[in-house]
Amino acid sequence: MNKSPSSKFDPFLDALAKLPELPKIIQYEDDYDEITRTIKVSESDAQAPLHVSGSVLYVQFHRINERVRPLLRTYLLTAIQSLSPNTVLARYRSFLRIAPCDLEELAMAKPMQARSIWNRMILSYGPEELATLKVLLAFLCRLNFINWTPLHADLASHGLAGASRDFYAGVRSGECFLSIHEEAQLIRWLDDMSSRASLLSLAELQEACLVTCSYQFGMRPKQLGMVRRRDLRVRANPEDGSQTAHITFKMIKQRDEELSRLPLVRKVRREWAALFGALENLNAGASPEAFLFGFTNRVDISCAVTEVLGRIVPGARITAYDLRHTLAQRMVDAGASQEELAAAMGHSSLKTGLVYFQASANQAELVNKALGASEIYQTVVKIAERKFIDQDELASLRGDNQVAGVPHGIPISGIGGCSSGQTSCPYNPITACYGCPKFMPVRDMSLHEQVLKDFRSIVLFFKEGGHGDMNSPAYLQLQRTIAEVQAVIEDLREHSNA
């Protein structure tokens, strides 16, 4: 008597029936909330909750094709015990994008035939899906699933080529870096907020401190979100009343769990420490375990940083990762070694930062950058609020509103006026005026061209004398000022040609 089609032996289903039994309880570390989470496993479970960077997300098994569901469910629940919840969630989403028939075909293939199947899959899937398939094959080798055995682990991990994925495409193209003008706006905003720190609300202080940590230390959103009140230390200097602030945060995205536990301690720039002092004062009654910046998950804090930066630099969409990449490139351009870059950025491998050295300009380009002669820096975003005045209007202003100063020993005057008055401005005259919305340049182009010439001579003097510290605040301020002077000259030139 012939067997019906429904009773025909199915090797795939037979192999699924032999999968190892899952533990009744699975535990994993929630590093964001600093506790151990527990998942109770039941065959009837339609989903499994995962705490990822302060949010509760779900691996929904019912969305997986019924035929391959037992295999993927076993892999995902097993992976939770050794991988980060975010990685498990990412692989679950990758599985949803892979056709169930392809998953089954690869799982049932003989290892020597897998290459031809794999070459076809390269045409159908992207780097993330291919990487997930390779991880699944390695898991099948450990299970002795049908034809896959531990002897084929090397083939599964290294013998199948994957589509290349450039995680640093934005770094190579330079798209993720802030321009000089954008950095000038950001620093000016931080300086202004710091000068008014004692008058700011808790929400304003948290925003300013978020931007400070993201810009100065290149902290990722998750690192920002994990900072507790206990991780901030503020000390007052009894001699001059100034404050010193140190912040401690964790290394993340480390393959070595021991490295992930290592703390990184950073000192806030002195001119911005007042923001953290004021924040500490307003948080005096809060628990040491409270989140310093008031956000309970990574998504909200990431959106908050982007939103604040959008207000600081209108029209630009800047993220915390853009500030991180900009910091790394700025360090390399200033001559940092691989070791110094890795220590500052929290990289576990020196190779991680090589892309910034590859993208870095040579020494000649660095000088051109400082001179404002490089094509990259010749086009500076114009300040729409700029108001030009003539010599008669300048003469009619009271003395305090006429801009004058002696930057780097060079007397400069007659270049324009200030709507608020120099005595009420906390910044250095001349060097901080160009680019400021309160600055009213005169329409005499020759005056600004002379200022540009004088500033360029300072750059060359330091360069030739070997005193040029490309990363010093004074040098960076001079660099920004040159770019702003060029913007004024370009505005005047376009106006004269109109």
Protein backbone atom coordinates (compact mmCIF):
# COMPACT_ATOMS: atom_id res chain seq x y z
CA MET A 1 0.00 0.00 0.00
CA ASN A 2 1.42 3.41 -1.02
CA LYS A 3 1.83 6.11 1.61
CA SER A 4 -0.14 9.32 1.18
CA PRO A 5 1.83 12.51 0.38
CA SER A 6 1.13 13.83 3.86
CA SER A 7 2.94 10.91 5.46
CA LYS A 8 6.07 11.23 3.27
CA PHE A 9 9.28 11.49 5.29
CA ASP A 10 10.45 15.12 5.61
CA PRO A 11 14.13 15.36 6.68
CA PHE A 12 13.80 19.06 7.57
CA LEU A 13 10.89 18.51 9.96
CA ASP A 14 12.63 15.45 11.34
CA ALA A 15 15.73 17.53 12.12
CA LEU A 16 13.56 20.21 13.75
CA ALA A 17 12.05 17.59 16.03
CA LYS A 18 15.57 16.76 17.28
CA LEU A 19 16.48 20.32 18.25
CA PRO A 20 17.76 20.59 21.83
CA GLU A 21 15.27 21.55 24.48
CA LEU A 22 15.45 25.18 25.54
CA PRO A 23 15.95 26.13 29.19
CA LYS A 24 12.83 27.17 31.08
CA ILE A 25 14.47 30.42 32.19
CA ILE A 26 16.83 32.59 30.15
CA GLN A 27 18.79 35.45 31.73
CA TYR A 28 20.64 38.32 30.12
CA GLU A 29 22.34 41.52 31.25
CA ASP A 30 20.51 44.81 30.73
CA ASP A 31 23.50 47.17 30.80
CA TYR A 32 21.35 50.27 30.35
CA ASP A 33 19.29 49.73 33.52
CA GLU A 34 22.14 47.78 35.16
CA ILE A 35 20.10 44.72 36.14
CA THR A 36 19.78 41.07 35.10
CA ARG A 37 16.60 40.37 33.11
CA THR A 38 14.76 37.05 33.08
CA ILE A 39 12.66 35.48 30.31
CA LYS A 40 10.43 32.52 31.15
CA VAL A 41 10.35 30.22 28.13
CA SER A 42 7.20 28.36 27.13
CA GLU A 43 6.39 26.57 23.87
CA SER A 44 3.18 28.56 23.61
CA ASP A 45 4.97 31.93 23.76
CA ALA A 46 4.17 34.10 20.74
CA GLN A 47 6.86 36.63 21.58
CA ALA A 48 9.79 37.37 23.86
CA PRO A 49 10.37 40.81 25.45
CA LEU A 50 13.83 42.36 25.19
CA HIS A 51 15.00 45.44 27.08
CA VAL A 52 17.12 47.41 24.61
CA SER A 53 18.70 50.71 25.70
CA GLY A 54 15.83 51.61 28.00
CA SER A 55 13.01 50.46 25.69
CA VAL A 56 11.05 47.20 25.73
CA LEU A 57 10.95 45.62 22.26
CA TYR A 58 9.65 42.22 21.20
CA VAL A 59 10.88 39.28 19.18
CA GLN A 60 7.55 38.17 17.71
CA PHE A 61 7.80 34.50 16.81
CA HIS A 62 4.36 34.44 15.19
CA ARG A 63 5.70 36.68 12.40
CA ILE A 64 8.20 34.00 11.39
CA ASN A 65 7.11 31.43 8.79
CA GLU A 66 5.65 28.39 10.55
CA ARG A 67 7.94 25.89 8.83
CA VAL A 68 11.23 27.53 9.86
CA ARG A 69 9.90 29.02 13.12
CA PRO A 70 11.18 26.27 15.48
CA LEU A 71 14.74 26.62 14.11
CA LEU A 72 14.87 30.41 14.27
CA ARG A 73 13.14 30.47 17.66
CA THR A 74 15.77 28.09 19.07
CA TYR A 75 18.59 30.20 17.63
CA LEU A 76 17.22 33.55 18.86
CA LEU A 77 16.45 32.37 22.39
CA THR A 78 19.87 30.72 22.60
CA ALA A 79 21.58 33.86 21.30
CA ILE A 80 20.01 36.03 24.02
CA GLN A 81 22.26 34.33 26.54
CA SER A 82 25.48 35.34 24.79
CA LEU A 83 24.73 38.39 22.61
CA SER A 84 23.46 41.87 23.39
CA PRO A 85 19.67 42.27 23.17
CA ASN A 86 20.12 44.82 20.41
CA THR A 87 22.10 42.33 18.29
CA VAL A 88 19.49 39.61 18.80
CA LEU A 89 16.73 42.01 17.78
CA ALA A 90 18.68 43.05 14.66
CA ARG A 91 19.13 39.43 13.60
CA TYR A 92 15.45 38.70 14.18
CA ARG A 93 14.57 41.56 11.84
CA SER A 94 17.06 40.26 9.27
CA PHE A 95 15.42 36.82 9.35
CA LEU A 96 12.07 38.45 8.54
CA ARG A 97 13.60 39.86 5.34
CA ILE A 98 14.90 36.46 4.18
CA ALA A 99 12.60 34.12 2.23
CA PRO A 100 11.72 31.00 4.32
CA CYS A 101 12.48 28.75 1.32
CA ASP A 102 16.03 30.17 1.17
CA LEU A 103 16.52 29.54 4.87
CA GLU A 104 15.36 25.96 4.52
CA GLU A 105 17.40 25.32 1.36
CA LEU A 106 20.61 26.51 2.99
CA ALA A 107 19.93 24.55 6.19
CA MET A 108 19.37 21.32 4.25
CA ALA A 109 22.23 21.79 1.75
CA LYS A 110 25.31 19.63 1.75
CA PRO A 111 28.26 21.83 2.77
CA MET A 112 30.08 21.26 -0.54
CA GLN A 113 27.00 22.41 -2.44
CA ALA A 114 26.48 25.47 -0.24
CA ARG A 115 28.79 27.68 -2.29
CA SER A 116 26.59 27.57 -5.42
CA ILE A 117 23.49 28.32 -3.33
CA TRP A 118 25.36 31.12 -1.55
CA ASN A 119 26.44 32.76 -4.83
CA ARG A 120 22.79 32.99 -5.79
CA MET A 121 21.85 34.49 -2.42
CA ILE A 122 24.48 37.21 -2.76
CA LEU A 123 22.40 38.56 -5.64
CA SER A 124 19.22 38.60 -3.52
CA TYR A 125 20.29 39.92 -0.13
CA GLY A 126 22.29 42.72 1.38
CA PRO A 127 25.31 42.55 3.71
CA GLU A 128 23.22 42.46 6.90
CA GLU A 129 21.05 39.53 5.77
CA LEU A 130 24.09 37.60 4.47
CA ALA A 131 25.90 38.11 7.78
CA THR A 132 22.85 36.78 9.62
CA LEU A 133 22.73 33.70 7.36
CA LYS A 134 26.40 32.97 8.08
CA VAL A 135 25.76 33.18 11.82
CA LEU A 136 22.83 30.79 11.45
CA LEU A 137 25.01 28.31 9.53
CA ALA A 138 27.60 28.42 12.31
CA PHE A 139 24.79 27.64 14.76
CA LEU A 140 23.67 24.68 12.61
CA CYS A 141 27.22 23.33 12.68
CA ARG A 142 27.18 23.33 16.47
CA LEU A 143 23.84 21.49 16.45
CA ASN A 144 24.94 18.83 13.91
CA PHE A 145 21.87 19.84 11.91
CA ILE A 146 21.36 17.35 9.01
CA ASN A 147 24.56 17.72 6.91
CA TRP A 148 26.18 20.50 8.93
CA THR A 149 28.71 19.44 11.61
CA PRO A 150 31.38 21.20 13.70
CA LEU A 151 33.88 20.19 11.01
CA HIS A 152 32.19 22.65 8.64
CA ALA A 153 32.30 25.60 11.05
CA ASP A 154 35.23 27.21 9.23
CA LEU A 155 33.40 26.97 5.90
CA ALA A 156 30.30 28.60 7.41
CA SER A 157 32.28 31.44 9.03
CA HIS A 158 35.00 32.17 6.49
CA GLY A 159 34.45 30.11 3.34
CA LEU A 160 31.37 31.96 2.09
CA ALA A 161 31.95 35.45 0.73
CA GLY A 162 29.62 38.23 1.75
CA ALA A 163 28.60 41.44 0.06
CA SER A 164 30.85 44.25 1.21
CA ARG A 165 29.36 46.98 3.36
CA ASP A 166 31.12 50.26 3.98
CA PHE A 167 30.15 51.34 7.49
CA TYR A 168 32.31 54.46 7.11
CA ALA A 169 31.07 55.73 3.76
CA GLY A 170 30.12 59.06 5.38
CA VAL A 171 33.62 59.41 6.82
CA ARG A 172 35.29 58.72 3.48
CA SER A 173 33.05 61.22 1.69
CA GLY A 174 33.22 63.79 4.50
CA GLU A 175 29.43 64.11 4.63
CA CYS A 176 29.25 63.39 8.36
CA PHE A 177 31.69 66.13 9.40
CA LEU A 178 30.60 69.52 10.66
CA SER A 179 31.84 72.49 8.67
CA ILE A 180 33.90 75.21 10.31
CA HIS A 181 30.88 77.47 10.25
CA GLU A 182 28.68 74.85 11.94
CA GLU A 183 31.29 74.22 14.62
CA ALA A 184 31.55 77.98 15.20
CA GLN A 185 27.80 78.21 15.74
CA LEU A 186 27.86 75.22 18.09
CA ILE A 187 30.74 76.53 20.21
CA ARG A 188 29.24 80.00 20.33
CA TRP A 189 25.97 78.51 21.58
CA LEU A 190 27.76 76.49 24.28
CA ASP A 191 29.74 79.55 25.35
CA ASP A 192 26.55 81.58 25.58
CA MET A 193 24.72 78.89 27.57
CA SER A 194 27.69 78.54 29.92
CA SER A 195 27.80 82.30 30.56
CA ARG A 196 24.12 82.11 31.65
CA ALA A 197 24.33 78.73 33.40
CA SER A 198 22.94 79.96 36.72
CA LEU A 199 19.85 81.37 34.98
CA LEU A 200 18.95 78.28 32.95
CA SER A 201 16.18 75.83 33.73
CA LEU A 202 16.81 72.14 34.40
CA ALA A 203 15.68 71.19 30.88
CA GLU A 204 17.95 73.83 29.30
CA LEU A 205 20.93 72.68 31.37
CA GLN A 206 20.34 69.04 30.43
CA GLU A 207 20.23 70.00 26.75
CA ALA A 208 23.44 72.04 27.00
CA CYS A 209 25.27 69.29 28.91
CA LEU A 210 24.09 66.69 26.40
CA VAL A 211 25.51 68.70 23.51
CA THR A 212 28.73 69.34 25.44
CA CYS A 213 29.34 65.62 26.08
CA SER A 214 28.42 64.69 22.54
CA TYR A 215 30.66 67.35 20.98
CA GLN A 216 33.67 67.29 23.33
CA PHE A 217 33.82 63.54 24.06
CA GLY A 218 32.07 62.02 21.03
CA MET A 219 29.72 60.03 23.26
CA ARG A 220 27.19 57.78 21.55
CA PRO A 221 23.48 58.25 22.43
CA LYS A 222 23.47 55.05 24.48
CA GLN A 223 26.51 56.21 26.45
CA LEU A 224 24.80 59.54 27.10
CA GLY A 225 21.65 57.81 28.26
CA MET A 226 23.46 55.47 30.64
CA VAL A 227 25.12 58.29 32.61
CA ARG A 228 23.75 58.52 36.15
CA ARG A 229 23.92 61.40 38.57
CA ARG A 230 26.63 59.55 40.51
CA ASP A 231 28.84 59.65 37.38
CA LEU A 232 29.23 63.44 37.53
CA ARG A 233 31.79 65.05 39.81
CA VAL A 234 31.97 68.83 40.14
CA ARG A 235 34.60 70.59 42.23
CA ALA A 236 34.86 74.31 42.94
CA ASN A 237 38.23 76.04 42.78
CA PRO A 238 38.55 78.09 45.98
CA GLU A 239 41.10 80.45 44.42
CA ASP A 240 39.06 81.90 41.57
CA GLY A 241 35.59 80.39 42.06
CA SER A 242 35.77 78.44 38.80
CA GLN A 243 34.52 74.88 38.58
CA THR A 244 36.03 71.61 37.40
CA ALA A 245 33.73 68.86 36.12
CA HIS A 246 34.53 65.21 35.41
CA ILE A 247 32.10 62.75 33.88
CA THR A 248 32.38 58.96 33.86
CA PHE A 249 30.76 56.76 31.24
CA LYS A 250 31.08 53.21 29.95
CA MET A 251 32.73 51.74 26.90
CA ILE A 252 30.14 50.03 24.72
CA LYS A 253 30.10 47.96 21.52
CA GLN A 254 32.99 45.82 22.81
CA ARG A 255 33.33 42.14 21.90
CA ASP A 256 35.13 41.59 25.18
CA GLU A 257 32.69 41.85 28.09
CA GLU A 258 35.51 42.85 30.43
CA LEU A 259 36.28 45.88 28.24
CA SER A 260 32.63 46.89 28.28
CA ARG A 261 32.82 47.29 32.04
CA LEU A 262 35.79 49.65 31.92
CA PRO A 263 34.89 53.25 32.81
CA LEU A 264 36.02 56.23 30.76
CA VAL A 265 36.65 59.39 32.77
CA ARG A 266 36.69 62.73 30.94
CA LYS A 267 37.22 66.30 32.07
CA VAL A 268 34.82 68.93 30.78
CA ARG A 269 36.41 71.98 29.20
CA ARG A 270 36.82 74.65 31.85
CA GLU A 271 34.72 77.23 30.01
CA TRP A 272 31.74 74.83 29.94
CA ALA A 273 32.10 73.31 33.41
CA ALA A 274 29.65 75.88 34.81
CA LEU A 275 26.85 74.09 32.94
CA PHE A 276 27.52 70.87 34.84
CA GLY A 277 27.91 72.74 38.12
CA ALA A 278 24.51 74.35 37.66
CA LEU A 279 22.99 71.01 36.65
CA GLU A 280 24.43 69.36 39.76
CA ASN A 281 22.94 72.11 41.95
CA LEU A 282 19.46 71.68 40.49
CA ASN A 283 19.74 67.89 40.82
CA ALA A 284 20.93 68.06 44.42
CA GLY A 285 17.84 66.30 45.75
CA ALA A 286 17.76 63.56 43.13
CA SER A 287 18.89 59.99 43.70
CA PRO A 288 22.48 59.17 42.73
CA GLU A 289 21.00 56.43 40.51
CA ALA A 290 18.82 58.87 38.55
CA PHE A 291 19.65 59.39 34.88
CA LEU A 292 21.69 62.58 34.68
CA PHE A 293 20.09 63.90 31.50
CA GLY A 294 16.54 62.84 32.38
CA PHE A 295 15.98 60.36 29.52
CA THR A 296 15.12 56.74 30.19
CA ASN A 297 15.90 55.27 26.75
CA ARG A 298 18.39 55.69 23.90
CA VAL A 299 15.85 56.57 21.21
CA ASP A 300 14.52 59.61 23.08
CA ILE A 301 17.98 60.90 23.93
CA SER A 302 19.15 60.47 20.33
CA CYS A 303 16.15 62.42 19.04
CA ALA A 304 16.71 65.11 21.68
CA VAL A 305 20.34 65.67 20.64
CA THR A 306 19.35 65.94 16.98
CA GLU A 307 16.53 68.35 17.82
CA VAL A 308 18.77 70.65 19.89
CA LEU A 309 21.48 70.66 17.21
CA GLY A 310 18.81 71.55 14.65
CA ARG A 311 18.01 74.67 16.68
CA ILE A 312 21.67 75.58 17.08
CA VAL A 313 22.45 75.15 13.38
CA PRO A 314 19.19 75.90 11.54
CA GLY A 315 18.68 74.01 8.30
CA ALA A 316 21.19 71.27 9.11
CA ARG A 317 20.38 67.77 10.32
CA ILE A 318 23.23 66.88 12.67
CA THR A 319 23.25 63.78 14.86
CA ALA A 320 25.32 62.71 17.86
CA TYR A 321 27.25 60.36 15.56
CA ASP A 322 28.18 63.30 13.31
CA LEU A 323 29.73 65.01 16.34
CA ARG A 324 31.57 61.78 17.21
CA HIS A 325 33.00 61.43 13.70
CA THR A 326 33.94 65.12 13.66
CA LEU A 327 35.83 64.76 16.94
CA ALA A 328 37.76 61.74 15.66
CA GLN A 329 38.70 63.44 12.40
CA ARG A 330 39.65 66.65 14.21
CA MET A 331 42.00 64.69 16.48
CA VAL A 332 43.65 62.90 13.55
CA ASP A 333 44.01 66.12 11.57
CA ALA A 334 45.69 67.63 14.62
CA GLY A 335 48.30 64.85 14.70
CA ALA A 336 46.84 62.32 17.19
CA SER A 337 48.35 58.83 17.06
CA GLN A 338 46.34 55.62 16.67
CA GLU A 339 46.72 54.94 20.38
CA GLU A 340 45.54 58.44 21.35
CA LEU A 341 42.54 58.20 19.06
CA ALA A 342 41.55 54.76 20.37
CA ALA A 343 41.86 55.94 23.99
CA ALA A 344 39.75 59.05 23.37
CA MET A 345 37.02 57.30 21.38
CA GLY A 346 36.87 54.12 23.48
CA HIS A 347 37.86 51.82 20.60
CA SER A 348 38.90 48.31 21.62
CA SER A 349 41.08 47.94 18.50
CA LEU A 350 43.55 50.33 16.91
CA LYS A 351 42.25 49.27 13.49
CA THR A 352 38.85 50.85 14.16
CA GLY A 353 40.20 54.38 13.73
CA LEU A 354 42.26 53.73 10.58
CA VAL A 355 39.50 55.15 8.38
CA TYR A 356 40.05 58.60 9.92
CA PHE A 357 43.75 58.48 9.09
CA GLN A 358 42.91 57.47 5.54
CA ALA A 359 40.48 60.36 5.24
CA SER A 360 42.79 62.85 6.90
CA ALA A 361 44.37 65.57 4.81
CA ASN A 362 48.15 65.85 4.61
CA GLN A 363 50.13 68.58 6.35
CA ALA A 364 49.90 70.94 3.40
CA GLU A 365 46.12 70.62 3.37
CA LEU A 366 46.04 71.32 7.11
CA VAL A 367 47.84 74.60 6.53
CA ASN A 368 45.48 75.43 3.67
CA LYS A 369 42.58 74.67 5.98
CA ALA A 370 43.87 77.09 8.57
CA LEU A 371 44.52 79.69 5.86
CA GLY A 372 41.05 79.24 4.46
CA ALA A 373 42.63 78.55 1.07
CA SER A 374 41.32 75.01 0.67
CA GLU A 375 38.37 74.67 -1.69
CA ILE A 376 36.49 72.75 0.99
CA TYR A 377 36.46 75.80 3.25
CA GLN A 378 36.08 78.56 0.66
CA THR A 379 32.31 78.15 0.51
CA VAL A 380 30.99 79.14 3.93
CA VAL A 381 27.30 79.32 4.75
CA LYS A 382 26.20 82.94 4.85
CA ILE A 383 24.61 84.47 7.92
CA ALA A 384 21.23 85.74 6.84
CA GLU A 385 21.05 88.22 9.73
CA ARG A 386 24.25 90.05 8.71
CA LYS A 387 23.71 93.81 8.44
CA PHE A 388 26.30 95.93 6.67
CA ILE A 389 26.88 99.58 7.58
CA ASP A 390 28.91 102.35 5.99
CA GLN A 391 31.66 104.50 7.53
CA ASP A 392 29.27 107.33 8.43
CA GLU A 393 26.94 104.95 10.28
CA LEU A 394 29.92 103.48 12.10
CA ALA A 395 31.09 106.95 13.14
CA SER A 396 27.66 107.75 14.55
CA LEU A 397 27.77 104.79 16.92
CA ARG A 398 28.91 105.36 20.48
CA GLY A 399 32.40 104.15 21.26
CA ASP A 400 31.34 100.96 23.01
CA ASN A 401 29.45 99.85 19.90
CA GLN A 402 32.46 100.34 17.60
CA VAL A 403 34.45 97.12 17.29
CA ALA A 404 38.17 97.39 18.01
CA GLY A 405 40.84 95.17 19.52
CA VAL A 406 44.41 93.89 19.41
CA PRO A 407 44.20 90.16 18.57
CA HIS A 408 47.61 88.45 18.61
CA GLY A 409 49.29 91.83 18.96
CA ILE A 410 47.76 93.33 15.78
CA PRO A 411 45.67 96.50 16.33
CA ILE A 412 42.41 96.35 14.33
CA SER A 413 39.61 98.90 14.30
CA GLY A 414 37.03 100.44 12.00
CA ILE A 415 35.80 97.09 10.68
CA GLY A 416 32.24 97.43 11.96
CA GLY A 417 29.89 97.85 14.89
CA CYS A 418 28.32 95.69 17.58
CA SER A 419 24.61 95.96 18.35
CA SER A 420 25.08 95.03 22.02
CA GLY A 421 28.38 96.76 22.84
CA GLN A 422 31.83 95.27 23.44
CA THR A 423 31.83 95.71 27.21
CA SER A 424 28.76 93.46 27.53
CA CYS A 425 30.26 90.75 25.30
CA PRO A 426 32.12 87.88 27.04
CA TYR A 427 34.12 86.97 23.90
CA ASN A 428 37.43 88.20 22.54
CA PRO A 429 37.03 91.28 20.32
CA ILE A 430 37.66 90.90 16.58
CA THR A 431 38.29 87.12 16.65
CA ALA A 432 34.78 86.42 17.95
CA CYS A 433 33.02 89.24 16.09
CA TYR A 434 33.18 87.80 12.60
CA GLY A 435 30.29 85.35 12.31
CA CYS A 436 28.39 86.81 15.25
CA PRO A 437 24.81 87.88 14.35
CA LYS A 438 25.33 91.07 16.41
CA PHE A 439 28.31 92.15 14.29
CA MET A 440 27.64 94.83 11.65
CA PRO A 441 30.58 94.87 9.19
CA VAL A 442 31.40 98.04 7.27
CA ARG A 443 31.00 97.90 3.49
CA ASP A 444 34.69 98.64 2.87
CA MET A 445 36.01 95.37 1.42
CA SER A 446 39.65 96.49 1.64
CA LEU A 447 39.46 96.67 5.45
CA HIS A 448 38.28 93.06 5.74
CA GLU A 449 40.86 91.91 3.19
CA GLN A 450 43.57 93.47 5.37
CA VAL A 451 42.19 91.66 8.42
CA LEU A 452 42.27 88.40 6.47
CA LYS A 453 45.88 89.08 5.44
CA ASP A 454 46.87 89.81 9.05
CA PHE A 455 45.28 86.63 10.38
CA ARG A 456 46.89 84.53 7.65
CA SER A 457 50.27 85.98 8.59
CA ILE A 458 49.69 84.78 12.18
CA VAL A 459 48.98 81.25 10.96
CA LEU A 460 52.14 81.21 8.85
CA PHE A 461 54.19 82.62 11.72
CA PHE A 462 53.15 79.82 14.03
CA LYS A 463 53.55 77.22 11.30
CA GLU A 464 57.05 78.32 10.32
CA GLY A 465 58.07 78.61 13.96
CA GLY A 466 56.79 75.12 14.73
CA HIS A 467 54.39 76.48 17.36
CA GLY A 468 51.16 75.62 15.62
CA ASP A 469 49.03 73.39 17.84
CA MET A 470 46.22 72.50 15.44
CA ASN A 471 44.00 71.34 18.30
CA SER A 472 44.39 74.29 20.67
CA PRO A 473 41.30 76.47 21.31
CA ALA A 474 43.17 79.62 20.18
CA TYR A 475 44.24 78.02 16.92
CA LEU A 476 40.75 76.66 16.19
CA GLN A 477 39.21 80.05 16.96
CA LEU A 478 41.64 81.72 14.57
CA GLN A 479 40.78 79.13 11.92
CA ARG A 480 37.05 79.82 12.30
CA THR A 481 37.59 83.56 12.26
CA ILE A 482 39.46 83.36 8.93
CA ALA A 483 36.55 81.46 7.42
CA GLU A 484 34.09 84.06 8.73
CA VAL A 485 36.17 86.97 7.39
CA GLN A 486 36.16 85.27 3.98
CA ALA A 487 32.38 84.98 4.17
CA VAL A 488 32.06 88.74 4.78
CA ILE A 489 34.38 89.50 1.84
CA GLU A 490 32.44 87.13 -0.41
CA ASP A 491 29.15 88.80 0.57
CA LEU A 492 30.57 92.22 -0.26
CA ARG A 493 31.99 90.96 -3.55
CA GLU A 494 28.66 89.49 -4.62
CA HIS A 495 26.87 92.69 -3.58
CA SER A 496 29.28 94.83 -5.63
CA ASN A 497 28.79 92.56 -8.69
CA ALA A 498 25.03 92.53 -8.42
